[in-house]
PDB file of N, CA and C in Angstrom:
ATOM      1  N   MET A   1      17.516   5.670  11.063  1.00  0.00           N
ATOM      2  CA  MET A   1      16.700   4.534  11.504  1.00  0.00           C
ATOM      3  C   MET A   1      16.974   3.333  10.607  1.00  0.00           C
ATOM      4  N   ALA A   2      18.210   2.882  10.618  1.00  0.00           N
ATOM      5  CA  ALA A   2      18.575   1.744   9.785  1.00  0.00           C
ATOM      6  C   ALA A   2      19.299   0.725  10.648  1.00  0.00           C
ATOM      7  N   GLY A   3      19.690  -0.375  10.033  1.00  0.00           N
ATOM      8  CA  GLY A   3      20.503  -1.346  10.748  1.00  0.00           C
ATOM      9  C   GLY A   3      19.691  -2.414  11.456  1.00  0.00           C
ATOM     10  N   PRO A   4      20.081  -2.741  12.685  1.00  0.00           N
ATOM     11  CA  PRO A   4      19.504  -3.898  13.383  1.00  0.00           C
ATOM     12  C   PRO A   4      17.994  -3.811  13.566  1.00  0.00           C
ATOM     13  N   GLN A   5      17.460  -2.605  13.703  1.00  0.00           N
ATOM     14  CA  GLN A   5      16.019  -2.483  13.934  1.00  0.00           C
ATOM     15  C   GLN A   5      15.209  -3.052  12.771  1.00  0.00           C
ATOM     16  N   MET A   6      15.774  -3.002  11.570  1.00  0.00           N
ATOM     17  CA  MET A   6      15.023  -3.421  10.389  1.00  0.00           C
ATOM     18  C   MET A   6      15.125  -4.926  10.171  1.00  0.00           C
ATOM     19  N   GLY A   7      16.027  -5.578  10.904  1.00  0.00           N
ATOM     20  CA  GLY A   7      16.250  -7.004  10.689  1.00  0.00           C
ATOM     21  C   GLY A   7      15.334  -7.866  11.529  1.00  0.00           C
ATOM     22  N   GLY A   8      15.864  -8.985  12.020  1.00  0.00           N
ATOM     23  CA  GLY A   8      15.068  -9.924  12.794  1.00  0.00           C
ATOM     24  C   GLY A   8      14.629  -9.352  14.127  1.00  0.00           C
ATOM     25  N   SER A   9      15.313  -8.300  14.599  1.00  0.00           N
ATOM     26  CA  SER A   9      14.945  -7.721  15.893  1.00  0.00           C
ATOM     27  C   SER A   9      13.551  -7.106  15.847  1.00  0.00           C
ATOM     28  N   ALA A  10      13.043  -6.876  14.653  1.00  0.00           N
ATOM     29  CA  ALA A  10      11.687  -6.332  14.519  1.00  0.00           C
ATOM     30  C   ALA A  10      10.679  -7.316  15.116  1.00  0.00           C
ATOM     31  N   GLU A  11      11.024  -8.598  15.083  1.00  0.00           N
ATOM     32  CA  GLU A  11      10.145  -9.609  15.668  1.00  0.00           C
ATOM     33  C   GLU A  11      10.057  -9.407  17.181  1.00  0.00           C
ATOM     34  N   ASP A  12      11.119  -8.866  17.772  1.00  0.00           N
ATOM     35  CA  ASP A  12      11.128  -8.648  19.210  1.00  0.00           C
ATOM     36  C   ASP A  12      10.360  -7.385  19.587  1.00  0.00           C
ATOM     37  N   HIS A  13      10.123  -6.528  18.613  1.00  0.00           N
ATOM     38  CA  HIS A  13       9.432  -5.265  18.881  1.00  0.00           C
ATOM     39  C   HIS A  13       8.252  -5.105  17.923  1.00  0.00           C
ATOM     40  N   PRO A  14       7.166  -5.830  18.141  1.00  0.00           N
ATOM     41  CA  PRO A  14       6.012  -5.750  17.239  1.00  0.00           C
ATOM     42  C   PRO A  14       5.445  -4.340  17.160  1.00  0.00           C
ATOM     43  N   SER A  15       5.517  -3.590  18.280  1.00  0.00           N
ATOM     44  CA  SER A  15       4.974  -2.230  18.273  1.00  0.00           C
ATOM     45  C   SER A  15       5.775  -1.356  17.314  1.00  0.00           C
ATOM     46  N   ARG A  16       7.095  -1.568  17.282  1.00  0.00           N
ATOM     47  CA  ARG A  16       7.930  -0.789  16.366  1.00  0.00           C
ATOM     48  C   ARG A  16       7.591  -1.150  14.921  1.00  0.00           C
ATOM     49  N   LYS A  17       7.343  -2.426  14.680  1.00  0.00           N
ATOM     50  CA  LYS A  17       6.989  -2.874  13.333  1.00  0.00           C
ATOM     51  C   LYS A  17       5.669  -2.232  12.911  1.00  0.00           C
ATOM     52  N   ARG A  18       4.707  -2.215  13.833  1.00  0.00           N
ATOM     53  CA  ARG A  18       3.406  -1.631  13.530  1.00  0.00           C
ATOM     54  C   ARG A  18       3.551  -0.130  13.294  1.00  0.00           C
ATOM     55  N   HIS A  19       4.395   0.516  14.078  1.00  0.00           N
ATOM     56  CA  HIS A  19       4.607   1.955  13.914  1.00  0.00           C
ATOM     57  C   HIS A  19       5.171   2.244  12.528  1.00  0.00           C
ATOM     58  N   ALA A  20       6.097   1.405  12.082  1.00  0.00           N
ATOM     59  CA  ALA A  20       6.684   1.584  10.752  1.00  0.00           C
ATOM     60  C   ALA A  20       5.615   1.424   9.676  1.00  0.00           C
ATOM     61  N   ALA A  21       4.713   0.470   9.882  1.00  0.00           N
ATOM     62  CA  ALA A  21       3.641   0.255   8.910  1.00  0.00           C
ATOM     63  C   ALA A  21       2.707   1.456   8.870  1.00  0.00           C
ATOM     64  N   GLU A  22       2.393   1.995  10.042  1.00  0.00           N
ATOM     65  CA  GLU A  22       1.521   3.173  10.103  1.00  0.00           C
ATOM     66  C   GLU A  22       2.187   4.353   9.403  1.00  0.00           C
ATOM     67  N   LYS A  23       3.490   4.516   9.623  1.00  0.00           N
ATOM     68  CA  LYS A  23       4.216   5.629   9.019  1.00  0.00           C
ATOM     69  C   LYS A  23       4.207   5.478   7.501  1.00  0.00           C
ATOM     70  N   GLN A  24       4.427   4.248   7.026  1.00  0.00           N
ATOM     71  CA  GLN A  24       4.448   4.011   5.583  1.00  0.00           C
ATOM     72  C   GLN A  24       3.078   4.294   4.983  1.00  0.00           C
ATOM     73  N   LYS A  25       2.031   3.889   5.692  1.00  0.00           N
ATOM     74  CA  LYS A  25       0.667   4.115   5.199  1.00  0.00           C
ATOM     75  C   LYS A  25       0.396   5.615   5.094  1.00  0.00           C
ATOM     76  N   LYS A  26       0.830   6.348   6.133  1.00  0.00           N
ATOM     77  CA  LYS A  26       0.601   7.788   6.155  1.00  0.00           C
ATOM     78  C   LYS A  26       1.343   8.452   5.000  1.00  0.00           C
ATOM     79  N   GLU A  27       2.586   8.028   4.762  1.00  0.00           N
ATOM     80  CA  GLU A  27       3.372   8.605   3.668  1.00  0.00           C
ATOM     81  C   GLU A  27       2.726   8.294   2.326  1.00  0.00           C
ATOM     82  N   THR A  28       2.139   7.104   2.210  1.00  0.00           N
ATOM     83  CA  THR A  28       1.466   6.737   0.966  1.00  0.00           C
ATOM     84  C   THR A  28       0.269   7.641   0.723  1.00  0.00           C
ATOM     85  N   ILE A  29      -0.485   7.921   1.787  1.00  0.00           N
ATOM     86  CA  ILE A  29      -1.656   8.800   1.660  1.00  0.00           C
ATOM     87  C   ILE A  29      -1.213  10.201   1.254  1.00  0.00           C
ATOM     88  N   ILE A  30      -0.157  10.698   1.893  1.00  0.00           N
ATOM     89  CA  ILE A  30       0.347  12.039   1.570  1.00  0.00           C
ATOM     90  C   ILE A  30       0.806  12.074   0.118  1.00  0.00           C
ATOM     91  N   TYR A  31       1.521  11.035  -0.307  1.00  0.00           N
ATOM     92  CA  TYR A  31       2.019  10.977  -1.680  1.00  0.00           C
ATOM     93  C   TYR A  31       0.851  10.976  -2.662  1.00  0.00           C
ATOM     94  N   THR A  32      -0.185  10.224  -2.339  1.00  0.00           N
ATOM     95  CA  THR A  32      -1.348  10.150  -3.224  1.00  0.00           C
ATOM     96  C   THR A  32      -2.018  11.510  -3.337  1.00  0.00           C
ATOM     97  N   LYS A  33      -2.174  12.200  -2.208  1.00  0.00           N
ATOM     98  CA  LYS A  33      -2.810  13.521  -2.224  1.00  0.00           C
ATOM     99  C   LYS A  33      -1.987  14.499  -3.050  1.00  0.00           C
ATOM    100  N   CYS A  34      -0.671  14.475  -2.879  1.00  0.00           N
ATOM    101  CA  CYS A  34       0.194  15.383  -3.639  1.00  0.00           C
ATOM    102  C   CYS A  34       0.101  15.063  -5.129  1.00  0.00           C
ATOM    103  N   TYR A  35       0.057  13.777  -5.445  1.00  0.00           N
ATOM    104  CA  TYR A  35       0.001  13.372  -6.846  1.00  0.00           C
ATOM    105  C   TYR A  35      -1.306  13.847  -7.483  1.00  0.00           C
ATOM    106  N   GLU A  36      -2.408  13.688  -6.757  1.00  0.00           N
ATOM    107  CA  GLU A  36      -3.701  14.126  -7.291  1.00  0.00           C
ATOM    108  C   GLU A  36      -3.724  15.644  -7.427  1.00  0.00           C
ATOM    109  N   PHE A  37      -3.059  16.331  -6.504  1.00  0.00           N
ATOM    110  CA  PHE A  37      -3.052  17.791  -6.529  1.00  0.00           C
ATOM    111  C   PHE A  37      -2.294  18.304  -7.751  1.00  0.00           C
ATOM    112  N   GLU A  38      -1.225  17.591  -8.121  1.00  0.00           N
ATOM    113  CA  GLU A  38      -0.397  18.050  -9.240  1.00  0.00           C
ATOM    114  C   GLU A  38      -0.993  17.669 -10.588  1.00  0.00           C
ATOM    115  N   SER A  39      -1.839  16.658 -10.620  1.00  0.00           N
ATOM    116  CA  SER A  39      -2.371  16.220 -11.910  1.00  0.00           C
ATOM    117  C   SER A  39      -3.354  17.245 -12.464  1.00  0.00           C
TER     118      SER A  39
END
């Protein structure tokens, strides 16, 4: 999932941009939970 989708074409696909943001948020939450679990 690299290349043109990450560039200016993201402006043409706001839903894809939002999906990427949701995915990043979810990964951040998972990372935080794992970090707290290991501490």
